[in-house]
Amino acid sequence: MAFGETFKALSDPVRREILVLLRSGRRSAGEIAACFDMTAPTISYHLKTLKKAGLVQECREGNFIYYRLNTSVVEEAMLWLSSLKGEE
């Protein structure tokens, strides 16, 4: 797996905060935006970056789009990082 997009997405503190919010369950873009003092287009940009990296998935229900954490990508990155430690 290529981790470039994953680590780029994780490099921003706002995106990391969004991931922490999604840890407790899915949320709509409006619910996520309500937790930050920034414009809707800025939140949309962050969500797009997280989605491109595979860290979040979206699900459409009616007029709403819900975002949820994709733990499999997080787990792959953690496994790779822990492999750098090597045998002790």
PDB file of N, CA and C in Angstrom:
ATOM      1  N   MET A   1       0.838  -1.190   0.000  1.00  0.00           N
ATOM      2  CA  MET A   1       0.000   0.000   0.000  1.00  0.00           C
ATOM      3  C   MET A   1       0.876   1.244   0.000  1.00  0.00           C
ATOM      4  N   ALA A   2       0.449   2.279  -0.696  1.00  0.00           N
ATOM      5  CA  ALA A   2       1.164   3.557  -0.718  1.00  0.00           C
ATOM      6  C   ALA A   2       0.641   4.421   0.433  1.00  0.00           C
ATOM      7  N   PHE A   3       1.546   4.846   1.280  1.00  0.00           N
ATOM      8  CA  PHE A   3       1.140   5.603   2.460  1.00  0.00           C
ATOM      9  C   PHE A   3       1.258   7.110   2.286  1.00  0.00           C
ATOM     10  N   GLY A   4       1.684   7.573   1.114  1.00  0.00           N
ATOM     11  CA  GLY A   4       1.878   9.005   0.897  1.00  0.00           C
ATOM     12  C   GLY A   4       0.646   9.825   1.214  1.00  0.00           C
ATOM     13  N   GLU A   5      -0.499   9.432   0.650  1.00  0.00           N
ATOM     14  CA  GLU A   5      -1.747  10.166   0.886  1.00  0.00           C
ATOM     15  C   GLU A   5      -2.195  10.047   2.341  1.00  0.00           C
ATOM     16  N   THR A   6      -1.961   8.885   2.926  1.00  0.00           N
ATOM     17  CA  THR A   6      -2.350   8.669   4.321  1.00  0.00           C
ATOM     18  C   THR A   6      -1.596   9.615   5.241  1.00  0.00           C
ATOM     19  N   PHE A   7      -0.271   9.659   5.095  1.00  0.00           N
ATOM     20  CA  PHE A   7       0.528  10.508   5.977  1.00  0.00           C
ATOM     21  C   PHE A   7       0.319  11.991   5.685  1.00  0.00           C
ATOM     22  N   LYS A   8       0.058  12.334   4.429  1.00  0.00           N
ATOM     23  CA  LYS A   8      -0.259  13.726   4.094  1.00  0.00           C
ATOM     24  C   LYS A   8      -1.544  14.143   4.809  1.00  0.00           C
ATOM     25  N   ALA A   9      -2.544  13.271   4.763  1.00  0.00           N
ATOM     26  CA  ALA A   9      -3.821  13.580   5.427  1.00  0.00           C
ATOM     27  C   ALA A   9      -3.647  13.691   6.932  1.00  0.00           C
ATOM     28  N   LEU A  10      -2.829  12.815   7.500  1.00  0.00           N
ATOM     29  CA  LEU A  10      -2.614  12.823   8.948  1.00  0.00           C
ATOM     30  C   LEU A  10      -1.745  13.977   9.425  1.00  0.00           C
ATOM     31  N   SER A  11      -1.065  14.650   8.510  1.00  0.00           N
ATOM     32  CA  SER A  11      -0.154  15.730   8.908  1.00  0.00           C
ATOM     33  C   SER A  11      -0.885  16.982   9.382  1.00  0.00           C
ATOM     34  N   ASP A  12      -2.166  17.101   9.081  1.00  0.00           N
ATOM     35  CA  ASP A  12      -2.917  18.299   9.457  1.00  0.00           C
ATOM     36  C   ASP A  12      -3.686  18.071  10.752  1.00  0.00           C
ATOM     37  N   PRO A  13      -3.547  18.974  11.724  1.00  0.00           N
ATOM     38  CA  PRO A  13      -4.231  18.789  13.016  1.00  0.00           C
ATOM     39  C   PRO A  13      -5.757  18.805  12.917  1.00  0.00           C
ATOM     40  N   VAL A  14      -6.315  19.567  12.003  1.00  0.00           N
ATOM     41  CA  VAL A  14      -7.778  19.590  11.845  1.00  0.00           C
ATOM     42  C   VAL A  14      -8.267  18.228  11.369  1.00  0.00           C
ATOM     43  N   ARG A  15      -7.554  17.646  10.416  1.00  0.00           N
ATOM     44  CA  ARG A  15      -7.967  16.328   9.923  1.00  0.00           C
ATOM     45  C   ARG A  15      -7.826  15.264  11.009  1.00  0.00           C
ATOM     46  N   ARG A  16      -6.810  15.394  11.830  1.00  0.00           N
ATOM     47  CA  ARG A  16      -6.671  14.447  12.947  1.00  0.00           C
ATOM     48  C   ARG A  16      -7.830  14.609  13.921  1.00  0.00           C
ATOM     49  N   GLU A  17      -8.259  15.843  14.165  1.00  0.00           N
ATOM     50  CA  GLU A  17      -9.411  16.081  15.047  1.00  0.00           C
ATOM     51  C   GLU A  17     -10.684  15.489  14.456  1.00  0.00           C
ATOM     52  N   ILE A  18     -10.844  15.589  13.142  1.00  0.00           N
ATOM     53  CA  ILE A  18     -12.017  15.006  12.480  1.00  0.00           C
ATOM     54  C   ILE A  18     -12.016  13.490  12.685  1.00  0.00           C
ATOM     55  N   LEU A  19     -10.857  12.864  12.559  1.00  0.00           N
ATOM     56  CA  LEU A  19     -10.764  11.420  12.776  1.00  0.00           C
ATOM     57  C   LEU A  19     -11.140  11.054  14.209  1.00  0.00           C
ATOM     58  N   VAL A  20     -10.732  11.872  15.167  1.00  0.00           N
ATOM     59  CA  VAL A  20     -11.089  11.614  16.570  1.00  0.00           C
ATOM     60  C   VAL A  20     -12.604  11.720  16.743  1.00  0.00           C
ATOM     61  N   LEU A  21     -13.223  12.703  16.099  1.00  0.00           N
ATOM     62  CA  LEU A  21     -14.689  12.837  16.165  1.00  0.00           C
ATOM     63  C   LEU A  21     -15.369  11.593  15.597  1.00  0.00           C
ATOM     64  N   LEU A  22     -14.848  11.085  14.497  1.00  0.00           N
ATOM     65  CA  LEU A  22     -15.466   9.939  13.840  1.00  0.00           C
ATOM     66  C   LEU A  22     -15.209   8.629  14.576  1.00  0.00           C
ATOM     67  N   ARG A  23     -14.279   8.648  15.489  1.00  0.00           N
ATOM     68  CA  ARG A  23     -13.992   7.448  16.280  1.00  0.00           C
ATOM     69  C   ARG A  23     -15.231   7.002  17.054  1.00  0.00           C
ATOM     70  N   SER A  24     -16.071   7.956  17.445  1.00  0.00           N
ATOM     71  CA  SER A  24     -17.267   7.621  18.226  1.00  0.00           C
ATOM     72  C   SER A  24     -18.463   7.250  17.351  1.00  0.00           C
ATOM     73  N   GLY A  25     -18.305   7.317  16.033  1.00  0.00           N
ATOM     74  CA  GLY A  25     -19.392   6.938  15.135  1.00  0.00           C
ATOM     75  C   GLY A  25     -19.529   7.896  13.974  1.00  0.00           C
ATOM     76  N   ARG A  26     -20.391   7.532  13.059  1.00  0.00           N
ATOM     77  CA  ARG A  26     -20.556   8.331  11.848  1.00  0.00           C
ATOM     78  C   ARG A  26     -21.169   9.688  12.151  1.00  0.00           C
ATOM     79  N   ARG A  27     -20.844  10.646  11.305  1.00  0.00           N
ATOM     80  CA  ARG A  27     -21.385  12.002  11.438  1.00  0.00           C
ATOM     81  C   ARG A  27     -21.585  12.602  10.059  1.00  0.00           C
ATOM     82  N   SER A  28     -22.533  13.495   9.972  1.00  0.00           N
ATOM     83  CA  SER A  28     -22.744  14.223   8.712  1.00  0.00           C
ATOM     84  C   SER A  28     -21.712  15.350   8.634  1.00  0.00           C
ATOM     85  N   ALA A  29     -21.552  15.893   7.433  1.00  0.00           N
ATOM     86  CA  ALA A  29     -20.618  17.004   7.255  1.00  0.00           C
ATOM     87  C   ALA A  29     -21.025  18.190   8.129  1.00  0.00           C
ATOM     88  N   GLY A  30     -22.334  18.419   8.257  1.00  0.00           N
ATOM     89  CA  GLY A  30     -22.824  19.515   9.105  1.00  0.00           C
ATOM     90  C   GLY A  30     -22.481  19.308  10.567  1.00  0.00           C
ATOM     91  N   GLU A  31     -22.603  18.079  11.039  1.00  0.00           N
ATOM     92  CA  GLU A  31     -22.255  17.772  12.432  1.00  0.00           C
ATOM     93  C   GLU A  31     -20.759  17.966  12.661  1.00  0.00           C
ATOM     94  N   ILE A  32     -19.966  17.580  11.681  1.00  0.00           N
ATOM     95  CA  ILE A  32     -18.511  17.770  11.801  1.00  0.00           C
ATOM     96  C   ILE A  32     -18.184  19.255  11.785  1.00  0.00           C
ATOM     97  N   ALA A  33     -18.779  19.993  10.854  1.00  0.00           N
ATOM     98  CA  ALA A  33     -18.504  21.427  10.728  1.00  0.00           C
ATOM     99  C   ALA A  33     -18.874  22.197  11.990  1.00  0.00           C
ATOM    100  N   ALA A  34     -19.926  21.744  12.682  1.00  0.00           N
ATOM    101  CA  ALA A  34     -20.374  22.431  13.900  1.00  0.00           C
ATOM    102  C   ALA A  34     -19.321  22.380  15.005  1.00  0.00           C
ATOM    103  N   CYS A  35     -18.380  21.468  14.903  1.00  0.00           N
ATOM    104  CA  CYS A  35     -17.339  21.321  15.926  1.00  0.00           C
ATOM    105  C   CYS A  35     -16.130  22.215  15.665  1.00  0.00           C
ATOM    106  N   PHE A  36     -16.140  22.942  14.552  1.00  0.00           N
ATOM    107  CA  PHE A  36     -14.991  23.762  14.178  1.00  0.00           C
ATOM    108  C   PHE A  36     -15.433  25.175  13.837  1.00  0.00           C
ATOM    109  N   ASP A  37     -14.517  26.105  13.998  1.00  0.00           N
ATOM    110  CA  ASP A  37     -14.776  27.497  13.642  1.00  0.00           C
ATOM    111  C   ASP A  37     -14.147  27.765  12.272  1.00  0.00           C
ATOM    112  N   MET A  38     -14.722  27.135  11.246  1.00  0.00           N
ATOM    113  CA  MET A  38     -14.249  27.342   9.880  1.00  0.00           C
ATOM    114  C   MET A  38     -15.405  27.174   8.914  1.00  0.00           C
ATOM    115  N   THR A  39     -15.187  27.590   7.685  1.00  0.00           N
ATOM    116  CA  THR A  39     -16.255  27.560   6.693  1.00  0.00           C
ATOM    117  C   THR A  39     -16.563  26.134   6.240  1.00  0.00           C
ATOM    118  N   ALA A  40     -17.763  25.964   5.710  1.00  0.00           N
ATOM    119  CA  ALA A  40     -18.175  24.660   5.180  1.00  0.00           C
ATOM    120  C   ALA A  40     -17.259  24.187   4.047  1.00  0.00           C
ATOM    121  N   PRO A  41     -16.840  25.089   3.121  1.00  0.00           N
ATOM    122  CA  PRO A  41     -15.921  24.629   2.075  1.00  0.00           C
ATOM    123  C   PRO A  41     -14.573  24.134   2.626  1.00  0.00           C
ATOM    124  N   THR A  42     -14.112  24.723   3.719  1.00  0.00           N
ATOM    125  CA  THR A  42     -12.851  24.277   4.323  1.00  0.00           C
ATOM    126  C   THR A  42     -13.017  22.882   4.918  1.00  0.00           C
ATOM    127  N   ILE A  43     -14.124  22.651   5.608  1.00  0.00           N
ATOM    128  CA  ILE A  43     -14.402  21.314   6.154  1.00  0.00           C
ATOM    129  C   ILE A  43     -14.533  20.311   5.014  1.00  0.00           C
ATOM    130  N   SER A  44     -15.204  20.713   3.947  1.00  0.00           N
ATOM    131  CA  SER A  44     -15.370  19.848   2.785  1.00  0.00           C
ATOM    132  C   SER A  44     -14.013  19.462   2.197  1.00  0.00           C
ATOM    133  N   TYR A  45     -13.088  20.412   2.137  1.00  0.00           N
ATOM    134  CA  TYR A  45     -11.742  20.138   1.638  1.00  0.00           C
ATOM    135  C   TYR A  45     -11.046  19.092   2.513  1.00  0.00           C
ATOM    136  N   HIS A  46     -11.146  19.262   3.830  1.00  0.00           N
ATOM    137  CA  HIS A  46     -10.517  18.313   4.747  1.00  0.00           C
ATOM    138  C   HIS A  46     -11.138  16.920   4.610  1.00  0.00           C
ATOM    139  N   LEU A  47     -12.451  16.858   4.481  1.00  0.00           N
ATOM    140  CA  LEU A  47     -13.121  15.571   4.317  1.00  0.00           C
ATOM    141  C   LEU A  47     -12.720  14.903   2.999  1.00  0.00           C
ATOM    142  N   LYS A  48     -12.588  15.697   1.952  1.00  0.00           N
ATOM    143  CA  LYS A  48     -12.163  15.173   0.656  1.00  0.00           C
ATOM    144  C   LYS A  48     -10.750  14.592   0.750  1.00  0.00           C
ATOM    145  N   THR A  49      -9.873  15.284   1.449  1.00  0.00           N
ATOM    146  CA  THR A  49      -8.498  14.806   1.629  1.00  0.00           C
ATOM    147  C   THR A  49      -8.478  13.498   2.414  1.00  0.00           C
ATOM    148  N   LEU A  50      -9.267  13.424   3.483  1.00  0.00           N
ATOM    149  CA  LEU A  50      -9.347  12.200   4.283  1.00  0.00           C
ATOM    150  C   LEU A  50      -9.936  11.047   3.475  1.00  0.00           C
ATOM    151  N   LYS A  51     -10.922  11.356   2.647  1.00  0.00           N
ATOM    152  CA  LYS A  51     -11.538  10.331   1.811  1.00  0.00           C
ATOM    153  C   LYS A  51     -10.547   9.828   0.753  1.00  0.00           C
ATOM    154  N   LYS A  52      -9.815  10.744   0.143  1.00  0.00           N
ATOM    155  CA  LYS A  52      -8.824  10.383  -0.870  1.00  0.00           C
ATOM    156  C   LYS A  52      -7.750   9.467  -0.282  1.00  0.00           C
ATOM    157  N   ALA A  53      -7.414   9.693   0.977  1.00  0.00           N
ATOM    158  CA  ALA A  53      -6.406   8.880   1.661  1.00  0.00           C
ATOM    159  C   ALA A  53      -6.986   7.552   2.143  1.00  0.00           C
ATOM    160  N   GLY A  54      -8.296   7.401   2.037  1.00  0.00           N
ATOM    161  CA  GLY A  54      -8.928   6.165   2.478  1.00  0.00           C
ATOM    162  C   GLY A  54      -9.183   6.103   3.969  1.00  0.00           C
ATOM    163  N   LEU A  55      -8.969   7.208   4.666  1.00  0.00           N
ATOM    164  CA  LEU A  55      -9.141   7.225   6.117  1.00  0.00           C
ATOM    165  C   LEU A  55     -10.600   7.348   6.540  1.00  0.00           C
ATOM    166  N   VAL A  56     -11.432   7.890   5.658  1.00  0.00           N
ATOM    167  CA  VAL A  56     -12.864   7.954   5.934  1.00  0.00           C
ATOM    168  C   VAL A  56     -13.627   7.430   4.721  1.00  0.00           C
ATOM    169  N   GLN A  57     -14.816   6.960   4.986  1.00  0.00           N
ATOM    170  CA  GLN A  57     -15.729   6.510   3.937  1.00  0.00           C
ATOM    171  C   GLN A  57     -17.009   7.301   4.074  1.00  0.00           C
ATOM    172  N   GLU A  58     -17.696   7.491   2.955  1.00  0.00           N
ATOM    173  CA  GLU A  58     -18.954   8.216   3.014  1.00  0.00           C
ATOM    174  C   GLU A  58     -20.108   7.307   2.620  1.00  0.00           C
ATOM    175  N   CYS A  59     -21.251   7.611   3.202  1.00  0.00           N
ATOM    176  CA  CYS A  59     -22.464   6.840   2.948  1.00  0.00           C
ATOM    177  C   CYS A  59     -23.600   7.842   2.766  1.00  0.00           C
ATOM    178  N   ARG A  60     -24.295   7.755   1.655  1.00  0.00           N
ATOM    179  CA  ARG A  60     -25.398   8.663   1.364  1.00  0.00           C
ATOM    180  C   ARG A  60     -26.711   8.075   1.874  1.00  0.00           C
ATOM    181  N   GLU A  61     -27.452   8.884   2.610  1.00  0.00           N
ATOM    182  CA  GLU A  61     -28.788   8.501   3.080  1.00  0.00           C
ATOM    183  C   GLU A  61     -29.719   9.686   2.864  1.00  0.00           C
ATOM    184  N   GLY A  62     -30.577   9.566   1.879  1.00  0.00           N
ATOM    185  CA  GLY A  62     -31.459  10.679   1.559  1.00  0.00           C
ATOM    186  C   GLY A  62     -30.656  11.874   1.099  1.00  0.00           C
ATOM    187  N   ASN A  63     -30.890  13.008   1.746  1.00  0.00           N
ATOM    188  CA  ASN A  63     -30.173  14.238   1.398  1.00  0.00           C
ATOM    189  C   ASN A  63     -28.866  14.406   2.164  1.00  0.00           C
ATOM    190  N   PHE A  64     -28.519  13.438   2.991  1.00  0.00           N
ATOM    191  CA  PHE A  64     -27.348  13.574   3.844  1.00  0.00           C
ATOM    192  C   PHE A  64     -26.231  12.630   3.420  1.00  0.00           C
ATOM    193  N   ILE A  65     -25.019  13.090   3.635  1.00  0.00           N
ATOM    194  CA  ILE A  65     -23.840  12.245   3.456  1.00  0.00           C
ATOM    195  C   ILE A  65     -23.226  12.082   4.840  1.00  0.00           C
ATOM    196  N   TYR A  66     -23.039  10.852   5.239  1.00  0.00           N
ATOM    197  CA  TYR A  66     -22.431  10.553   6.530  1.00  0.00           C
ATOM    198  C   TYR A  66     -21.008  10.036   6.307  1.00  0.00           C
ATOM    199  N   TYR A  67     -20.130  10.445   7.186  1.00  0.00           N
ATOM    200  CA  TYR A  67     -18.733  10.023   7.121  1.00  0.00           C
ATOM    201  C   TYR A  67     -18.434   9.126   8.309  1.00  0.00           C
ATOM    202  N   ARG A  68     -17.611   8.104   8.048  1.00  0.00           N
ATOM    203  CA  ARG A  68     -17.195   7.220   9.138  1.00  0.00           C
ATOM    204  C   ARG A  68     -15.729   6.868   8.956  1.00  0.00           C
ATOM    205  N   LEU A  69     -15.110   6.542  10.055  1.00  0.00           N
ATOM    206  CA  LEU A  69     -13.696   6.183  10.077  1.00  0.00           C
ATOM    207  C   LEU A  69     -13.489   4.842   9.389  1.00  0.00           C
ATOM    208  N   ASN A  70     -12.468   4.769   8.550  1.00  0.00           N
ATOM    209  CA  ASN A  70     -12.088   3.505   7.914  1.00  0.00           C
ATOM    210  C   ASN A  70     -10.895   2.954   8.685  1.00  0.00           C
ATOM    211  N   THR A  71     -11.164   2.084   9.619  1.00  0.00           N
ATOM    212  CA  THR A  71     -10.111   1.605  10.516  1.00  0.00           C
ATOM    213  C   THR A  71      -9.100   0.697   9.829  1.00  0.00           C
ATOM    214  N   SER A  72      -9.463   0.091   8.707  1.00  0.00           N
ATOM    215  CA  SER A  72      -8.510  -0.815   8.057  1.00  0.00           C
ATOM    216  C   SER A  72      -7.278  -0.072   7.562  1.00  0.00           C
ATOM    217  N   VAL A  73      -7.439   1.144   7.044  1.00  0.00           N
ATOM    218  CA  VAL A  73      -6.285   1.929   6.593  1.00  0.00           C
ATOM    219  C   VAL A  73      -5.442   2.347   7.788  1.00  0.00           C
ATOM    220  N   VAL A  74      -6.098   2.718   8.865  1.00  0.00           N
ATOM    221  CA  VAL A  74      -5.384   3.094  10.083  1.00  0.00           C
ATOM    222  C   VAL A  74      -4.571   1.900  10.600  1.00  0.00           C
ATOM    223  N   GLU A  75      -5.189   0.734  10.603  1.00  0.00           N
ATOM    224  CA  GLU A  75      -4.495  -0.474  11.070  1.00  0.00           C
ATOM    225  C   GLU A  75      -3.293  -0.809  10.195  1.00  0.00           C
ATOM    226  N   GLU A  76      -3.432  -0.671   8.874  1.00  0.00           N
ATOM    227  CA  GLU A  76      -2.311  -0.948   7.972  1.00  0.00           C
ATOM    228  C   GLU A  76      -1.144   0.000   8.244  1.00  0.00           C
ATOM    229  N   ALA A  77      -1.452   1.273   8.439  1.00  0.00           N
ATOM    230  CA  ALA A  77      -0.397   2.255   8.720  1.00  0.00           C
ATOM    231  C   ALA A  77       0.279   1.947  10.052  1.00  0.00           C
ATOM    232  N   MET A  78      -0.511   1.564  11.051  1.00  0.00           N
ATOM    233  CA  MET A  78       0.071   1.243  12.360  1.00  0.00           C
ATOM    234  C   MET A  78       0.965   0.002  12.275  1.00  0.00           C
ATOM    235  N   LEU A  79       0.540  -0.993  11.527  1.00  0.00           N
ATOM    236  CA  LEU A  79       1.360  -2.192  11.358  1.00  0.00           C
ATOM    237  C   LEU A  79       2.680  -1.856  10.676  1.00  0.00           C
ATOM    238  N   TRP A  80       2.608  -1.031   9.644  1.00  0.00           N
ATOM    239  CA  TRP A  80       3.828  -0.650   8.938  1.00  0.00           C
ATOM    240  C   TRP A  80       4.766   0.132   9.859  1.00  0.00           C
ATOM    241  N   LEU A  81       4.201   1.086  10.598  1.00  0.00           N
ATOM    242  CA  LEU A  81       5.029   1.873  11.522  1.00  0.00           C
ATOM    243  C   LEU A  81       5.662   0.985  12.591  1.00  0.00           C
ATOM    244  N   SER A  82       4.905   0.044  13.120  1.00  0.00           N
ATOM    245  CA  SER A  82       5.472  -0.825  14.155  1.00  0.00           C
ATOM    246  C   SER A  82       6.543  -1.748  13.587  1.00  0.00           C
ATOM    247  N   SER A  83       6.471  -2.050  12.300  1.00  0.00           N
ATOM    248  CA  SER A  83       7.505  -2.895  11.681  1.00  0.00           C
ATOM    249  C   SER A  83       8.850  -2.174  11.611  1.00  0.00           C
ATOM    250  N   LEU A  84       8.838  -0.863  11.691  1.00  0.00           N
ATOM    251  CA  LEU A  84      10.092  -0.096  11.656  1.00  0.00           C
ATOM    252  C   LEU A  84      10.903  -0.277  12.934  1.00  0.00           C
ATOM    253  N   LYS A  85      10.219  -0.644  14.004  1.00  0.00           N
ATOM    254  CA  LYS A  85      10.912  -0.843  15.274  1.00  0.00           C
ATOM    255  C   LYS A  85      11.868  -2.019  15.190  1.00  0.00           C
ATOM    256  N   GLY A  86      11.496  -3.020  14.430  1.00  0.00           N
ATOM    257  CA  GLY A  86      12.326  -4.210  14.304  1.00  0.00           C
ATOM    258  C   GLY A  86      12.267  -5.052  15.574  1.00  0.00           C
ATOM    259  N   GLU A  87      13.064  -6.094  15.581  1.00  0.00           N
ATOM    260  CA  GLU A  87      13.131  -7.010  16.719  1.00  0.00           C
ATOM    261  C   GLU A  87      14.047  -6.440  17.792  1.00  0.00           C
ATOM    262  N   GLU A  88      13.628  -6.541  19.024  1.00  0.00           N
ATOM    263  CA  GLU A  88      14.470  -6.051  20.124  1.00  0.00           C
ATOM    264  C   GLU A  88      14.921  -7.176  20.990  1.00  0.00           C
TER     265      GLU A  88
END
